[in-house]
Amino acid sequence: MKCENNKIYISDGLTLFIFSEEGELISCFEKRGEAPDEYSGISDFVIDGEDIIILDRNQQKTITYDHLGNNISTFHLEYYAQAISPIVNNTFFLYNGFDTGHKLHRIRNWKEDSVFLEVNKDQTGYLFIFAHHNFYQDHDSVYFFQPINDTIYKSVDGGSMDPLLYIDFKGKNIPTSFFSDKKYENVKDFFDNLHKRSYAYGVYSFIRSERFTMFGSFYQKNKKLTLFDHKNKLSNTFGTIKDDVCFKGLTIPISQFIYHANKSGSIIVPLEAYSVVEWRNTHTPSEPFESLINTTREDDNPLLLIFDFKQ
């Protein structure tokens, strides 16, 4: 999900839906197939001005469309990329986290330009299964993060991807020796051993505003969120969120709190309709959402909350 150009873009992996900010469907297009202007699935997508760029991992290509679904260009890849960054200064990044190389590719003026951050072979094949998002844009900066990695990287104006922040989990980071001292049979064996230890690891989400940085990580099988206050130099890590917007007194586990960060600093949170129906039976809906919540049915489409950090 993305909010740009006063529109809301939603992909279900097969079709791209475009809504107005009021929730009215403007258009949708589905271009599945094997032709040069078709995709097998939408692995990721970005909005570049009036263009929409779709990443098709299986067919190893990106396809650029206009908002009517007309094909503008197709760019073929030599690897299986899973995520694409927004375009800044005619430059974007492609991440092939599931591939054996585990590299970050920079594309400049639609040509392969550079490769960054090749992962140590001892670490390949494990934590990448949690990589739902890898990029976040803030103005002319693109941030990159990986569940395997405790470092967040930053590129300005399409430049090199350099380390910006190292997340210190108070000494609970996974040591390098954990990857190299033992040969794990498969992903399950790796996690069985990992969960025997009290390690914290990875960055599965990231958003940065003028006042706050927020990122998600894992600790003892559970998802956590950390909020860092730049002004007061304080951080707080938590496993639940107390809702003071839609329902009075509702507490939501972070595992159920899915959000999509936008480059404007806003956050989109989808709420499944059946959850909303369940919550309203035990908690009082808040205004101005009461009428919407009370008329929601279990089989309705998800509700979308779009909000900003309190400053």
Protein backbone atom coordinates (compact mmCIF):
# COMPACT_ATOMS: atom_id res chain seq x y z
CA MET A 1 0.00 0.00 0.00
CA LYS A 2 1.22 3.51 -0.80
CA CYS A 3 -0.22 7.01 -0.48
CA GLU A 4 1.05 9.36 -3.19
CA ASN A 5 -0.32 12.00 -5.56
CA ASN A 6 -3.42 12.30 -3.33
CA LYS A 7 -4.22 8.67 -4.15
CA ILE A 8 -4.07 5.32 -2.38
CA TYR A 9 -2.39 2.46 -4.29
CA ILE A 10 -3.05 -1.13 -3.21
CA SER A 11 -1.69 -4.33 -4.72
CA ASP A 12 -2.92 -7.82 -3.88
CA GLY A 13 -0.06 -9.36 -5.85
CA LEU A 14 -2.12 -9.72 -9.02
CA THR A 15 -4.01 -6.45 -9.53
CA LEU A 16 -3.15 -2.82 -8.76
CA PHE A 17 -6.05 -0.78 -7.38
CA ILE A 18 -6.01 3.03 -7.30
CA PHE A 19 -8.35 4.84 -4.89
CA SER A 20 -8.99 8.47 -4.08
CA GLU A 21 -8.17 9.69 -0.56
CA GLU A 22 -11.91 9.44 0.14
CA GLY A 23 -11.84 5.72 -0.69
CA GLU A 24 -13.50 5.81 -4.10
CA LEU A 25 -12.09 3.39 -6.68
CA ILE A 26 -10.51 5.41 -9.52
CA SER A 27 -9.11 2.57 -11.60
CA CYS A 28 -7.48 -0.83 -11.49
CA PHE A 29 -5.48 -2.81 -13.95
CA GLU A 30 -4.32 -6.38 -14.26
CA LYS A 31 -1.76 -7.23 -16.93
CA ARG A 32 -0.96 -10.86 -16.23
CA GLY A 33 0.79 -12.90 -18.89
CA GLU A 34 4.17 -13.53 -20.49
CA ALA A 35 4.20 -10.75 -23.09
CA PRO A 36 6.81 -7.98 -22.71
CA ASP A 37 4.18 -5.62 -21.28
CA GLU A 38 2.68 -8.23 -18.91
CA TYR A 39 3.65 -9.62 -15.49
CA SER A 40 3.16 -12.95 -13.73
CA GLY A 41 2.64 -11.20 -10.40
CA ILE A 42 3.32 -7.94 -8.59
CA SER A 43 6.28 -8.60 -6.30
CA ASP A 44 6.62 -4.90 -5.45
CA PHE A 45 5.77 -1.54 -7.01
CA VAL A 46 6.70 2.15 -6.78
CA ILE A 47 5.14 5.37 -8.01
CA ASP A 48 7.42 7.59 -10.09
CA GLY A 49 5.52 10.81 -10.77
CA GLU A 50 2.80 9.86 -13.23
CA ASP A 51 4.33 6.43 -13.88
CA ILE A 52 3.89 3.14 -12.03
CA ILE A 53 6.80 0.68 -11.97
CA ILE A 54 5.93 -2.94 -11.22
CA LEU A 55 8.55 -5.50 -10.23
CA ASP A 56 7.92 -9.04 -11.52
CA ARG A 57 10.30 -11.31 -9.64
CA ASN A 58 9.41 -14.53 -11.48
CA GLN A 59 9.92 -13.09 -14.97
CA GLN A 60 12.96 -11.06 -13.83
CA LYS A 61 11.84 -7.66 -15.07
CA THR A 62 10.35 -4.31 -14.19
CA ILE A 63 7.51 -2.86 -16.25
CA THR A 64 6.64 0.83 -16.35
CA TYR A 65 3.00 1.80 -16.96
CA ASP A 66 1.06 5.02 -17.01
CA HIS A 67 -1.98 5.38 -14.76
CA LEU A 68 -4.23 3.99 -17.48
CA GLY A 69 -2.23 0.76 -17.59
CA ASN A 70 -0.48 1.47 -20.87
CA ASN A 71 3.02 0.04 -21.13
CA ILE A 72 5.83 2.59 -21.36
CA SER A 73 8.93 0.40 -21.06
CA THR A 74 10.24 -2.97 -19.84
CA PHE A 75 13.60 -3.50 -18.12
CA HIS A 76 14.99 -7.07 -17.97
CA LEU A 77 17.07 -8.36 -15.04
CA GLU A 78 19.61 -11.15 -14.66
CA TYR A 79 18.52 -12.00 -11.10
CA TYR A 80 15.38 -12.56 -9.02
CA ALA A 81 14.68 -9.27 -7.24
CA GLN A 82 12.09 -9.12 -4.46
CA ALA A 83 11.97 -5.40 -3.67
CA ILE A 84 12.38 -2.11 -5.50
CA SER A 85 13.16 1.31 -4.03
CA PRO A 86 11.56 4.60 -5.11
CA ILE A 87 13.34 6.53 -7.85
CA VAL A 88 15.57 9.41 -6.74
CA ASN A 89 17.66 11.36 -9.26
CA ASN A 90 17.01 8.76 -12.02
CA THR A 91 18.30 6.06 -9.67
CA PHE A 92 16.66 3.18 -7.83
CA PHE A 93 17.75 0.01 -6.04
CA LEU A 94 16.69 -3.62 -6.47
CA TYR A 95 17.17 -6.18 -3.71
CA ASN A 96 17.47 -9.90 -4.44
CA GLY A 97 17.38 -11.08 -0.84
CA PHE A 98 16.31 -14.65 -1.61
CA ASP A 99 18.92 -15.16 -4.31
CA THR A 100 22.21 -16.89 -3.49
CA GLY A 101 24.11 -13.64 -3.97
CA HIS A 102 21.97 -11.53 -1.62
CA LYS A 103 22.99 -8.23 -3.17
CA LEU A 104 21.63 -4.73 -3.49
CA HIS A 105 21.72 -3.53 -7.11
CA ARG A 106 21.73 0.12 -8.12
CA ILE A 107 20.04 1.03 -11.42
CA ARG A 108 20.95 4.44 -12.80
CA ASN A 109 19.28 5.81 -15.94
CA TRP A 110 17.95 2.29 -16.56
CA LYS A 111 21.39 0.69 -16.59
CA GLU A 112 23.01 -1.63 -14.04
CA ASP A 113 25.42 0.64 -12.20
CA SER A 114 26.73 -0.79 -8.92
CA VAL A 115 26.28 -3.60 -6.41
CA PHE A 116 26.33 -3.18 -2.63
CA LEU A 117 26.14 -5.23 0.58
CA GLU A 118 26.85 -8.78 -0.46
CA VAL A 119 25.92 -10.94 2.53
CA ASN A 120 28.38 -13.37 4.10
CA LYS A 121 27.71 -16.89 2.78
CA ASP A 122 27.26 -18.18 6.35
CA GLN A 123 24.22 -15.94 6.76
CA THR A 124 22.42 -16.63 3.49
CA GLY A 125 19.13 -18.47 3.37
CA TYR A 126 17.77 -17.79 6.85
CA LEU A 127 16.25 -14.54 8.04
CA PHE A 128 15.34 -13.28 4.56
CA ILE A 129 12.02 -15.10 4.77
CA PHE A 130 10.73 -12.24 6.94
CA ALA A 131 11.66 -9.49 4.47
CA HIS A 132 8.28 -7.95 3.58
CA HIS A 133 9.72 -4.46 3.13
CA ASN A 134 13.28 -3.34 2.51
CA PHE A 135 13.09 0.34 1.51
CA TYR A 136 11.78 3.60 2.90
CA GLN A 137 11.98 7.01 1.22
CA ASP A 138 12.20 10.36 2.98
CA HIS A 139 12.51 13.25 0.48
CA ASP A 140 15.70 12.58 -1.55
CA SER A 141 16.96 9.84 0.76
CA VAL A 142 16.34 6.11 0.43
CA TYR A 143 16.79 3.87 3.48
CA PHE A 144 17.54 0.15 3.20
CA PHE A 145 17.15 -2.50 5.91
CA GLN A 146 17.21 -6.31 6.20
CA PRO A 147 15.90 -8.77 8.80
CA ILE A 148 19.35 -10.42 8.85
CA ASN A 149 21.10 -7.14 9.53
CA ASP A 150 21.17 -4.83 12.55
CA THR A 151 22.38 -1.90 10.43
CA ILE A 152 20.18 0.56 8.53
CA TYR A 153 21.70 2.10 5.39
CA LYS A 154 21.02 5.40 3.63
CA SER A 155 21.48 6.70 0.10
CA VAL A 156 21.15 10.42 -0.67
CA ASP A 157 20.25 11.60 -4.20
CA GLY A 158 20.84 8.09 -5.57
CA GLY A 159 24.38 7.89 -4.22
CA SER A 160 26.07 4.90 -2.58
CA MET A 161 24.26 2.99 0.15
CA ASP A 162 26.18 3.80 3.34
CA PRO A 163 25.65 2.70 6.98
CA LEU A 164 23.55 5.16 8.97
CA LEU A 165 22.35 3.48 12.16
CA TYR A 166 23.46 0.38 14.05
CA ILE A 167 20.80 -1.11 16.31
CA ASP A 168 22.29 -2.25 19.63
CA PHE A 169 19.82 -4.61 21.34
CA LYS A 170 21.56 -4.15 24.71
CA GLY A 171 24.00 -6.96 24.01
CA LYS A 172 21.36 -9.37 22.70
CA ASN A 173 22.30 -9.07 19.01
CA ILE A 174 23.02 -12.37 17.25
CA PRO A 175 26.80 -12.88 17.35
CA THR A 176 28.64 -13.67 14.11
CA SER A 177 29.77 -16.96 15.61
CA PHE A 178 26.17 -18.20 15.69
CA PHE A 179 26.20 -18.36 11.89
CA SER A 180 29.67 -19.81 11.41
CA ASP A 181 30.15 -22.25 14.32
CA LYS A 182 27.49 -24.71 13.21
CA LYS A 183 26.11 -26.01 9.92
CA TYR A 184 22.32 -25.88 10.04
CA GLU A 185 20.36 -28.48 8.08
CA ASN A 186 17.59 -26.11 6.97
CA VAL A 187 15.67 -22.99 7.95
CA LYS A 188 13.69 -24.84 10.64
CA ASP A 189 16.87 -26.16 12.25
CA PHE A 190 18.32 -22.65 12.19
CA PHE A 191 15.32 -21.15 13.99
CA ASP A 192 15.04 -24.02 16.46
CA ASN A 193 18.57 -23.21 17.56
CA LEU A 194 17.99 -19.46 17.44
CA HIS A 195 14.90 -19.63 19.66
CA LYS A 196 16.85 -21.47 22.33
CA ARG A 197 18.76 -18.23 22.86
CA SER A 198 17.49 -14.83 24.00
CA TYR A 199 18.62 -12.99 20.87
CA ALA A 200 17.06 -9.89 19.37
CA TYR A 201 17.58 -9.38 15.68
CA GLY A 202 16.75 -7.74 12.41
CA VAL A 203 14.82 -4.79 11.08
CA TYR A 204 11.58 -5.74 9.32
CA SER A 205 10.12 -2.21 9.04
CA PHE A 206 11.40 1.36 9.28
CA ILE A 207 10.03 4.89 9.19
CA ARG A 208 11.72 8.19 10.05
CA SER A 209 10.16 11.59 10.70
CA GLU A 210 11.66 14.86 11.88
CA ARG A 211 10.98 13.87 15.48
CA PHE A 212 10.90 10.06 15.54
CA THR A 213 12.46 6.90 14.15
CA MET A 214 10.39 3.72 14.41
CA PHE A 215 11.45 0.22 13.40
CA GLY A 216 10.33 -3.35 13.95
CA SER A 217 12.49 -6.24 15.13
CA PHE A 218 12.23 -9.75 16.60
CA TYR A 219 12.88 -10.97 20.15
CA GLN A 220 12.14 -14.47 21.49
CA LYS A 221 9.89 -15.38 18.53
CA ASN A 222 7.84 -12.18 18.91
CA LYS A 223 7.64 -8.99 16.88
CA LYS A 224 8.56 -5.75 18.66
CA LEU A 225 8.45 -2.06 17.75
CA THR A 226 10.99 0.50 18.90
CA LEU A 227 10.29 4.23 18.90
CA PHE A 228 13.27 6.57 19.20
CA ASP A 229 12.66 10.21 20.10
CA HIS A 230 15.34 12.36 18.42
CA LYS A 231 14.54 15.38 20.56
CA ASN A 232 14.81 13.70 23.95
CA LYS A 233 17.30 10.98 22.91
CA LEU A 234 15.07 8.29 24.38
CA SER A 235 13.91 4.95 23.00
CA ASN A 236 11.07 2.65 23.99
CA THR A 237 10.57 -0.92 22.79
CA PHE A 238 7.11 -2.42 23.14
CA GLY A 239 5.14 -5.52 22.20
CA THR A 240 1.62 -4.07 22.19
CA ILE A 241 -0.12 -0.90 21.06
CA LYS A 242 -2.94 0.74 22.99
CA ASP A 243 -5.50 2.18 20.61
CA ASP A 244 -6.74 5.65 21.62
CA VAL A 245 -8.08 6.46 18.15
CA CYS A 246 -10.78 3.96 17.11
CA PHE A 247 -11.55 1.95 20.25
CA LYS A 248 -11.27 3.09 23.84
CA GLY A 249 -8.86 0.88 25.78
CA LEU A 250 -8.13 -1.66 23.02
CA THR A 251 -4.67 -3.25 23.23
CA ILE A 252 -3.29 -4.82 20.04
CA PRO A 253 -0.26 -7.17 19.92
CA ILE A 254 2.46 -5.96 17.57
CA SER A 255 2.10 -9.25 15.68
CA GLN A 256 -1.36 -8.02 14.58
CA PHE A 257 -0.22 -4.45 13.88
CA ILE A 258 0.69 -4.30 10.19
CA TYR A 259 1.65 -0.90 8.83
CA HIS A 260 2.91 0.57 5.57
CA ALA A 261 5.19 3.60 5.81
CA ASN A 262 4.86 6.41 3.28
CA LYS A 263 7.53 8.90 2.25
CA SER A 264 5.27 11.72 3.48
CA GLY A 265 5.79 10.37 7.01
CA SER A 266 2.26 9.01 7.21
CA ILE A 267 1.42 5.41 8.07
CA ILE A 268 -1.30 3.17 6.64
CA VAL A 269 -2.72 0.49 8.94
CA PRO A 270 -5.21 -2.01 7.45
CA LEU A 271 -7.78 -3.40 9.88
CA GLU A 272 -9.52 -6.63 8.89
CA ALA A 273 -13.28 -6.26 9.02
CA TYR A 274 -13.77 -9.38 11.17
CA SER A 275 -11.34 -7.96 13.76
CA VAL A 276 -13.25 -4.68 13.85
CA VAL A 277 -16.51 -6.58 14.45
CA GLU A 278 -14.86 -8.59 17.24
CA TRP A 279 -13.36 -5.51 18.90
CA ARG A 280 -16.58 -3.49 18.90
CA ASN A 281 -18.26 -6.24 20.93
CA THR A 282 -15.83 -5.68 23.79
CA HIS A 283 -14.69 -2.05 23.37
CA THR A 284 -16.52 1.20 22.76
CA PRO A 285 -15.84 2.76 19.35
CA SER A 286 -14.55 6.33 19.44
CA GLU A 287 -15.82 9.28 17.49
CA PRO A 288 -15.70 10.12 14.61
CA PHE A 289 -15.36 6.43 13.64
CA GLU A 290 -18.34 5.09 15.59
CA SER A 291 -20.85 5.07 12.73
CA LEU A 292 -18.37 3.47 10.30
CA ILE A 293 -17.28 0.82 12.80
CA ASN A 294 -20.82 -0.08 13.88
CA THR A 295 -21.93 -0.64 10.26
CA THR A 296 -18.92 -2.79 9.31
CA ARG A 297 -19.70 -6.42 8.46
CA GLU A 298 -17.34 -9.37 8.85
CA ASP A 299 -17.07 -9.96 5.10
CA ASP A 300 -16.35 -6.31 4.22
CA ASN A 301 -13.04 -5.19 2.79
CA PRO A 302 -10.43 -4.05 5.33
CA LEU A 303 -10.67 -0.58 6.84
CA LEU A 304 -7.63 1.67 6.33
CA LEU A 305 -6.31 4.02 8.98
CA ILE A 306 -3.97 6.74 7.70
CA PHE A 307 -2.21 8.73 10.40
CA ASP A 308 0.91 10.68 11.38
CA PHE A 309 3.09 10.66 14.46
CA LYS A 310 2.03 13.01 17.25
CA GLN A 311 4.64 15.74 17.49
